[in-house]
Amino acid sequence: MPTYDPTAANNSFSVAYAEFSTDVTVSGTTEAAANSVVEAPGFIPNGRDSFWLEFVAPGVSPGASAGASVVLVVYDNGSPLFAGTSAIAQVINNAAAAYTTSVSTKLKIKSPTAVVHVYSVRAFRAVANGTVNGTSGGIGRPGSINITREGGA
């Protein structure tokens, strides 16, 4: 398990990074039953420094029904990071036609405790199944989760 060392020469680089290139069907209908999209490797912060968590999905497609939505949530060690207001993004279909949009979000994690943290993004839906796309039509960059030290690259 990597331990974050603020004195290391490479301390501004990613401390945890993972990609996904396959599509994830979103069938879970609650936060508790959310489908896993991507999980970063665990790391141990020093308990003082803050970090940035960046999530990119080349495409998110809610079901092709009016009112269908896909909600993306960040988890820390299997629990929602932000209790009560856990959504980092929500894609809503206001018509009865299929569409896809990309999602990119960045959030700050203030001074996580000095124990192992495994951050992940999961998704749940309303009305109809949706999809989180790992690549955009098979071209371009894959989806990813990236955690860097605040002030780092």
Protein backbone atom coordinates (compact mmCIF):
# COMPACT_ATOMS: atom_id res chain seq x y z
CA MET A 1 0.00 0.00 0.00
CA PRO A 2 1.64 3.28 -1.02
CA THR A 3 2.08 5.86 1.72
CA TYR A 4 1.98 9.50 0.72
CA ASP A 5 5.29 11.19 1.62
CA PRO A 6 5.17 15.02 1.34
CA THR A 7 8.99 15.17 1.40
CA ALA A 8 9.43 12.86 -1.60
CA ALA A 9 10.75 14.36 -4.82
CA ASN A 10 7.62 13.29 -6.75
CA ASN A 11 5.03 14.41 -4.17
CA SER A 12 3.10 16.52 -6.70
CA PHE A 13 2.23 13.58 -8.93
CA SER A 14 -0.78 11.32 -8.73
CA VAL A 15 -1.00 9.33 -5.54
CA ALA A 16 -3.76 7.12 -6.93
CA TYR A 17 -4.95 6.69 -10.53
CA ALA A 18 -7.13 4.23 -12.43
CA GLU A 19 -8.77 4.08 -15.86
CA PHE A 20 -11.84 2.34 -17.23
CA SER A 21 -12.38 1.65 -20.91
CA THR A 22 -15.46 -0.55 -20.86
CA ASP A 23 -19.01 0.70 -20.59
CA VAL A 24 -20.78 0.32 -17.25
CA THR A 25 -24.51 -0.40 -17.26
CA VAL A 26 -26.19 1.60 -14.51
CA SER A 27 -29.00 -0.51 -13.11
CA GLY A 28 -28.84 0.29 -9.38
CA THR A 29 -31.74 2.47 -8.27
CA THR A 30 -30.36 3.79 -4.98
CA GLU A 31 -27.06 5.08 -3.68
CA ALA A 32 -26.71 1.89 -1.59
CA ALA A 33 -27.12 -0.25 -4.73
CA ALA A 34 -24.98 1.94 -7.02
CA ASN A 35 -22.89 0.24 -9.73
CA SER A 36 -19.11 0.56 -9.52
CA VAL A 37 -17.64 2.66 -12.35
CA VAL A 38 -13.95 2.99 -11.36
CA GLU A 39 -11.86 2.52 -8.23
CA ALA A 40 -8.47 4.11 -7.51
CA PRO A 41 -5.78 2.09 -5.75
CA GLY A 42 -5.65 2.61 -2.01
CA PHE A 43 -3.12 4.98 -0.49
CA ILE A 44 -2.26 6.29 2.98
CA PRO A 45 -2.23 10.12 3.26
CA ASN A 46 -0.22 11.86 5.98
CA GLY A 47 -3.34 13.22 7.73
CA ARG A 48 -2.45 16.88 7.07
CA ASP A 49 -2.37 17.56 3.33
CA SER A 50 -5.46 17.94 1.16
CA PHE A 51 -5.96 16.25 -2.20
CA TRP A 52 -7.81 16.76 -5.48
CA LEU A 53 -10.00 13.99 -6.87
CA GLU A 54 -10.68 14.25 -10.60
CA PHE A 55 -13.18 12.05 -12.41
CA VAL A 56 -13.65 11.92 -16.18
CA ALA A 57 -16.24 9.90 -18.12
CA PRO A 58 -16.12 10.24 -21.91
CA GLY A 59 -19.88 9.67 -21.96
CA VAL A 60 -22.85 9.31 -19.64
CA SER A 61 -26.15 8.19 -21.13
CA PRO A 62 -29.34 8.21 -19.09
CA GLY A 63 -32.09 5.86 -20.22
CA ALA A 64 -34.10 6.90 -23.28
CA SER A 65 -37.14 7.89 -21.21
CA ALA A 66 -38.31 11.28 -20.03
CA GLY A 67 -37.10 11.82 -16.47
CA ALA A 68 -34.39 9.15 -16.66
CA SER A 69 -31.16 10.09 -14.90
CA VAL A 70 -27.73 8.82 -13.94
CA VAL A 71 -26.26 10.05 -10.65
CA LEU A 72 -22.51 9.77 -10.00
CA VAL A 73 -21.26 9.46 -6.40
CA VAL A 74 -17.77 9.40 -4.84
CA TYR A 75 -17.14 6.70 -2.24
CA ASP A 76 -14.34 6.46 0.32
CA ASN A 77 -13.69 2.93 1.62
CA GLY A 78 -17.14 1.80 0.45
CA SER A 79 -19.17 4.67 1.96
CA PRO A 80 -20.41 7.81 0.21
CA LEU A 81 -17.87 10.59 0.76
CA PHE A 82 -20.49 13.29 1.28
CA ALA A 83 -23.39 12.03 3.37
CA GLY A 84 -26.71 13.49 2.29
CA THR A 85 -25.29 15.45 -0.66
CA SER A 86 -23.16 12.81 -2.30
CA ALA A 87 -23.82 13.40 -6.00
CA ILE A 88 -20.86 14.84 -7.89
CA ALA A 89 -22.80 14.89 -11.16
CA GLN A 90 -26.26 14.08 -12.45
CA VAL A 91 -27.29 13.66 -16.08
CA ILE A 92 -31.04 13.97 -16.67
CA ASN A 93 -33.02 13.14 -19.81
CA ASN A 94 -35.85 15.63 -20.29
CA ALA A 95 -37.11 13.96 -23.45
CA ALA A 96 -37.79 10.43 -24.59
CA ALA A 97 -34.75 10.22 -26.86
CA ALA A 98 -31.33 8.73 -26.20
CA TYR A 99 -28.34 11.05 -25.79
CA THR A 100 -24.84 11.03 -24.31
CA THR A 101 -22.80 13.77 -22.67
CA SER A 102 -19.29 13.77 -21.21
CA VAL A 103 -18.67 14.40 -17.51
CA SER A 104 -15.56 15.89 -15.93
CA THR A 105 -15.45 16.96 -12.30
CA LYS A 106 -12.83 17.90 -9.73
CA LEU A 107 -13.34 18.09 -5.98
CA LYS A 108 -11.19 18.76 -2.95
CA ILE A 109 -10.70 16.21 -0.19
CA LYS A 110 -9.60 18.09 2.91
CA SER A 111 -6.93 16.41 5.05
CA PRO A 112 -8.04 12.77 4.96
CA THR A 113 -6.99 10.71 7.99
CA ALA A 114 -3.68 8.83 7.94
CA VAL A 115 -5.24 5.43 7.22
CA VAL A 116 -5.81 3.57 3.96
CA HIS A 117 -8.27 5.37 1.67
CA VAL A 118 -9.77 3.72 -1.43
CA TYR A 119 -11.76 6.24 -3.47
CA SER A 120 -14.21 5.13 -6.13
CA VAL A 121 -16.99 6.49 -8.30
CA ARG A 122 -20.29 4.63 -8.50
CA ALA A 123 -23.53 5.39 -10.33
CA PHE A 124 -27.23 4.82 -9.80
CA ARG A 125 -30.23 5.68 -11.95
CA ALA A 126 -33.87 6.70 -11.99
CA VAL A 127 -36.66 5.61 -14.40
CA ALA A 128 -34.54 3.50 -16.80
CA ASN A 129 -31.07 1.92 -16.98
CA GLY A 130 -28.29 4.18 -18.16
CA THR A 131 -24.65 3.82 -19.15
CA VAL A 132 -21.33 5.34 -18.13
CA ASN A 133 -19.11 5.03 -21.19
CA GLY A 134 -15.48 4.00 -20.78
CA THR A 135 -14.53 5.46 -24.14
CA SER A 136 -16.34 7.75 -26.51
CA GLY A 137 -17.31 5.53 -29.43
CA GLY A 138 -14.11 3.53 -29.08
CA ILE A 139 -11.88 6.55 -29.71
CA GLY A 140 -10.28 9.07 -27.43
CA ARG A 141 -9.17 8.79 -23.83
CA PRO A 142 -10.65 6.30 -21.40
CA GLY A 143 -12.54 7.33 -18.30
CA SER A 144 -10.47 7.83 -15.17
CA ILE A 145 -10.15 8.72 -11.51
CA ASN A 146 -7.03 10.65 -10.47
CA ILE A 147 -6.03 11.78 -7.00
CA THR A 148 -3.25 14.37 -6.63
CA ARG A 149 -1.89 16.37 -3.72
CA GLU A 150 -3.32 19.90 -3.50
CA GLY A 151 -0.84 22.21 -5.12
CA GLY A 152 0.58 19.34 -7.14
CA ALA A 153 0.59 18.79 -10.87
